């Protein structure tokens, strides 16, 4: 059975949203390890808490990001399917 275009757009939009989330998490951990490297003592607990809270809040942003990406993909597909007539 072949998937419909809506199912394909949902899959693509979730894949893009997850990639954005992974990039965000990579930046957070990169920042954490950079701060740990410059500081001779243990990483401050406030930094771990701040990164955890940012990641937690970002989880709530994934669904709206996915919906926005899906909407854009559908708009582009509709725009390509109905080209303007040259007058």
N, C-alpha and C. Protein backbone atom coordinates (compact mmCIF):
# COMPACT_ATOMS: atom_id res chain seq x y z
N UNK A 1 0.84 -1.18 0.00
CA UNK A 1 0.00 0.00 0.00
C UNK A 1 0.89 1.24 0.00
N UNK A 2 0.57 2.17 -0.84
CA UNK A 2 1.37 3.38 -0.97
C UNK A 2 0.89 4.43 0.03
N UNK A 3 1.84 5.15 0.60
CA UNK A 3 1.50 6.19 1.57
C UNK A 3 0.98 7.42 0.84
N UNK A 4 0.07 8.13 1.48
CA UNK A 4 -0.44 9.36 0.90
C UNK A 4 0.57 10.48 1.10
N UNK A 5 0.36 11.58 0.41
CA UNK A 5 1.30 12.70 0.53
C UNK A 5 1.24 13.31 1.93
N UNK A 6 0.07 13.28 2.57
CA UNK A 6 -0.02 13.81 3.93
C UNK A 6 0.83 12.99 4.89
N UNK A 7 0.78 11.66 4.77
CA UNK A 7 1.61 10.82 5.62
C UNK A 7 3.09 11.07 5.36
N UNK A 8 3.44 11.28 4.11
CA UNK A 8 4.83 11.55 3.77
C UNK A 8 5.28 12.88 4.37
N UNK A 9 4.40 13.90 4.32
CA UNK A 9 4.74 15.20 4.90
C UNK A 9 4.88 15.11 6.41
N UNK A 10 4.05 14.29 7.04
CA UNK A 10 4.16 14.12 8.50
C UNK A 10 5.50 13.48 8.85
N UNK A 11 5.89 12.46 8.07
CA UNK A 11 7.17 11.80 8.32
C UNK A 11 8.34 12.77 8.11
N UNK A 12 8.31 13.52 7.02
CA UNK A 12 9.38 14.48 6.74
C UNK A 12 9.45 15.57 7.81
N UNK A 13 8.28 16.07 8.20
CA UNK A 13 8.28 17.16 9.19
C UNK A 13 8.80 16.68 10.54
N UNK A 14 8.45 15.45 10.95
CA UNK A 14 8.98 14.93 12.21
C UNK A 14 10.48 14.69 12.11
N UNK A 15 10.94 14.22 10.97
CA UNK A 15 12.38 13.99 10.80
C UNK A 15 13.14 15.31 10.90
N UNK A 16 12.62 16.36 10.30
CA UNK A 16 13.28 17.67 10.37
C UNK A 16 13.25 18.20 11.79
N UNK A 17 12.11 18.06 12.48
CA UNK A 17 11.99 18.54 13.86
C UNK A 17 12.95 17.79 14.78
N UNK A 18 13.09 16.49 14.58
CA UNK A 18 14.02 15.71 15.41
C UNK A 18 15.47 16.12 15.12
N UNK A 19 15.79 16.38 13.87
CA UNK A 19 17.15 16.86 13.56
C UNK A 19 17.42 18.20 14.20
N UNK A 20 16.44 19.09 14.22
CA UNK A 20 16.60 20.37 14.90
C UNK A 20 16.81 20.14 16.40
N UNK A 21 16.06 19.20 16.97
CA UNK A 21 16.23 18.88 18.39
C UNK A 21 17.61 18.31 18.70
N UNK A 22 18.10 17.44 17.82
CA UNK A 22 19.44 16.87 18.03
C UNK A 22 20.51 17.95 17.92
N UNK A 23 20.36 18.87 16.99
CA UNK A 23 21.31 19.97 16.87
C UNK A 23 21.29 20.83 18.13
N UNK A 24 20.10 21.09 18.64
CA UNK A 24 19.95 21.87 19.87
C UNK A 24 20.62 21.17 21.04
N UNK A 25 20.39 19.86 21.17
CA UNK A 25 21.01 19.10 22.26
C UNK A 25 22.53 19.07 22.11
N UNK A 26 23.01 18.93 20.89
CA UNK A 26 24.46 18.96 20.65
C UNK A 26 25.07 20.29 21.04
N UNK A 27 24.40 21.37 20.73
CA UNK A 27 24.90 22.69 21.14
C UNK A 27 24.91 22.83 22.66
N UNK A 28 23.88 22.33 23.31
CA UNK A 28 23.85 22.39 24.78
C UNK A 28 25.02 21.64 25.39
N UNK A 29 25.25 20.41 24.94
CA UNK A 29 26.34 19.62 25.52
C UNK A 29 27.70 20.18 25.12
N UNK A 30 27.79 20.72 23.93
CA UNK A 30 29.04 21.37 23.53
C UNK A 30 29.35 22.55 24.43
N UNK A 31 28.34 23.34 24.72
CA UNK A 31 28.50 24.47 25.63
C UNK A 31 28.89 24.00 27.02
N UNK A 32 28.25 22.93 27.47
CA UNK A 32 28.55 22.41 28.81
C UNK A 32 30.00 21.94 28.90
N UNK A 33 30.45 21.19 27.92
CA UNK A 33 31.82 20.68 27.97
C UNK A 33 32.84 21.79 27.77
N UNK A 34 32.50 22.81 27.02
CA UNK A 34 33.41 23.95 26.87
C UNK A 34 33.56 24.68 28.20
N UNK A 35 32.45 24.85 28.92
CA UNK A 35 32.53 25.52 30.22
C UNK A 35 33.27 24.63 31.22
N UNK A 36 33.04 23.32 31.17
CA UNK A 36 33.77 22.41 32.06
C UNK A 36 35.27 22.46 31.79
N UNK A 37 35.63 22.56 30.52
CA UNK A 37 37.05 22.56 30.16
C UNK A 37 37.75 23.82 30.65
N UNK A 38 37.07 24.94 30.60
CA UNK A 38 37.69 26.19 31.04
C UNK A 38 37.72 26.31 32.55
N UNK A 39 36.78 25.67 33.22
CA UNK A 39 36.71 25.74 34.68
C UNK A 39 37.44 24.54 35.26
N UNK A 40 38.38 24.79 36.20
CA UNK A 40 39.19 23.71 36.78
C UNK A 40 38.36 22.84 37.74
N UNK A 41 37.33 23.41 38.35
CA UNK A 41 36.51 22.65 39.29
C UNK A 41 35.40 21.92 38.54
N UNK A 42 34.57 21.22 39.31
CA UNK A 42 33.43 20.53 38.70
C UNK A 42 32.49 21.53 38.05
N UNK A 43 31.73 21.03 37.09
CA UNK A 43 30.75 21.90 36.43
C UNK A 43 29.73 22.36 37.46
N UNK A 44 29.38 23.61 37.41
CA UNK A 44 28.42 24.11 38.40
C UNK A 44 27.05 23.44 38.21
N UNK A 45 26.39 23.19 39.32
CA UNK A 45 25.10 22.52 39.25
C UNK A 45 24.06 23.41 38.57
N UNK A 46 24.22 24.74 38.66
CA UNK A 46 23.25 25.63 38.01
C UNK A 46 23.31 25.46 36.49
N UNK A 47 24.48 25.14 35.95
CA UNK A 47 24.60 24.93 34.52
C UNK A 47 23.85 23.67 34.09
N UNK A 48 24.00 22.60 34.86
CA UNK A 48 23.27 21.37 34.56
C UNK A 48 21.77 21.60 34.64
N UNK A 49 21.34 22.33 35.66
CA UNK A 49 19.92 22.62 35.82
C UNK A 49 19.41 23.48 34.66
N UNK A 50 20.17 24.48 34.28
CA UNK A 50 19.75 25.35 33.18
C UNK A 50 19.65 24.57 31.87
N UNK A 51 20.62 23.72 31.59
CA UNK A 51 20.59 22.92 30.37
C UNK A 51 19.43 21.93 30.39
N UNK A 52 19.17 21.33 31.54
CA UNK A 52 18.05 20.41 31.66
C UNK A 52 16.72 21.13 31.43
N UNK A 53 16.56 22.31 32.01
CA UNK A 53 15.33 23.05 31.85
C UNK A 53 15.14 23.53 30.41
N UNK A 54 16.22 23.94 29.77
CA UNK A 54 16.13 24.34 28.36
C UNK A 54 15.72 23.16 27.48
N UNK A 55 16.30 22.01 27.74
CA UNK A 55 15.92 20.81 26.99
C UNK A 55 14.49 20.42 27.24
N UNK A 56 14.03 20.54 28.48
CA UNK A 56 12.65 20.20 28.83
C UNK A 56 11.68 21.14 28.13
N UNK A 57 11.98 22.43 28.14
CA UNK A 57 11.13 23.40 27.45
C UNK A 57 11.14 23.18 25.94
N UNK A 58 12.27 22.78 25.41
CA UNK A 58 12.36 22.55 23.97
C UNK A 58 11.49 21.37 23.56
N UNK A 59 11.30 20.40 24.45
CA UNK A 59 10.42 19.27 24.14
C UNK A 59 9.01 19.74 23.83
N UNK A 60 8.55 20.80 24.51
CA UNK A 60 7.22 21.34 24.25
C UNK A 60 7.18 22.12 22.95
N UNK A 61 8.33 22.54 22.45
CA UNK A 61 8.39 23.29 21.19
C UNK A 61 8.46 22.38 19.98
N UNK A 62 8.76 21.10 20.16
CA UNK A 62 8.91 20.20 19.02
C UNK A 62 7.62 20.03 18.23
N UNK A 63 6.50 19.87 18.90
CA UNK A 63 5.23 19.67 18.19
C UNK A 63 4.84 20.91 17.37
N UNK A 64 4.91 22.13 17.92
CA UNK A 64 4.62 23.30 17.08
C UNK A 64 5.60 23.47 15.92
N UNK A 65 6.87 23.13 16.15
CA UNK A 65 7.85 23.20 15.06
C UNK A 65 7.48 22.20 13.98
N UNK A 66 7.10 20.99 14.38
CA UNK A 66 6.71 19.97 13.41
C UNK A 66 5.49 20.41 12.62
N UNK A 67 4.50 21.00 13.28
CA UNK A 67 3.29 21.47 12.60
C UNK A 67 3.61 22.58 11.61
N UNK A 68 4.50 23.50 11.98
CA UNK A 68 4.87 24.59 11.08
C UNK A 68 5.60 24.05 9.84
N UNK A 69 6.48 23.10 10.05
CA UNK A 69 7.20 22.49 8.92
C UNK A 69 6.23 21.75 8.01
N UNK A 70 5.31 21.00 8.61
CA UNK A 70 4.33 20.26 7.82
C UNK A 70 3.45 21.22 7.00
N UNK A 71 3.04 22.32 7.61
CA UNK A 71 2.23 23.30 6.90
C UNK A 71 2.98 23.87 5.70
N UNK A 72 4.25 24.19 5.89
CA UNK A 72 5.07 24.72 4.80
C UNK A 72 5.24 23.70 3.68
N UNK A 73 5.47 22.43 4.04
CA UNK A 73 5.60 21.39 3.03
C UNK A 73 4.32 21.24 2.22
N UNK A 74 3.18 21.29 2.89
CA UNK A 74 1.90 21.18 2.18
C UNK A 74 1.66 22.38 1.29
N UNK A 75 2.03 23.58 1.75
CA UNK A 75 1.87 24.78 0.93
C UNK A 75 2.74 24.71 -0.31
N UNK A 76 3.96 24.25 -0.17
CA UNK A 76 4.85 24.14 -1.32
C UNK A 76 4.33 23.12 -2.32
N UNK A 77 3.81 22.00 -1.81
CA UNK A 77 3.26 20.97 -2.70
C UNK A 77 2.04 21.50 -3.45
N UNK A 78 1.20 22.25 -2.76
CA UNK A 78 0.02 22.82 -3.40
C UNK A 78 0.43 23.86 -4.44
N UNK A 79 1.42 24.65 -4.10
CA UNK A 79 1.90 25.69 -5.01
C UNK A 79 2.51 25.06 -6.27
N UNK A 80 3.23 23.97 -6.12
CA UNK A 80 3.83 23.29 -7.27
C UNK A 80 2.78 22.58 -8.13
N UNK A 81 1.72 22.11 -7.49
CA UNK A 81 0.69 21.38 -8.24
C UNK A 81 -0.18 22.32 -9.06
N UNK A 82 -0.31 23.56 -8.64
CA UNK A 82 -1.14 24.53 -9.34
C UNK A 82 -0.30 25.72 -9.81
N UNK A 83 0.47 25.56 -10.88
CA UNK A 83 1.29 26.67 -11.35
C UNK A 83 0.41 27.79 -11.94
N UNK A 84 0.91 29.01 -11.87
CA UNK A 84 0.18 30.15 -12.40
C UNK A 84 0.16 30.06 -13.93
N UNK A 85 -0.95 30.43 -14.49
CA UNK A 85 -1.07 30.43 -15.95
C UNK A 85 -0.43 31.68 -16.51
N UNK A 86 0.41 31.49 -17.50
CA UNK A 86 1.05 32.64 -18.15
C UNK A 86 0.01 33.30 -19.04
N UNK A 87 -0.24 34.59 -18.80
CA UNK A 87 -1.34 35.24 -19.45
C UNK A 87 -1.08 35.90 -20.69
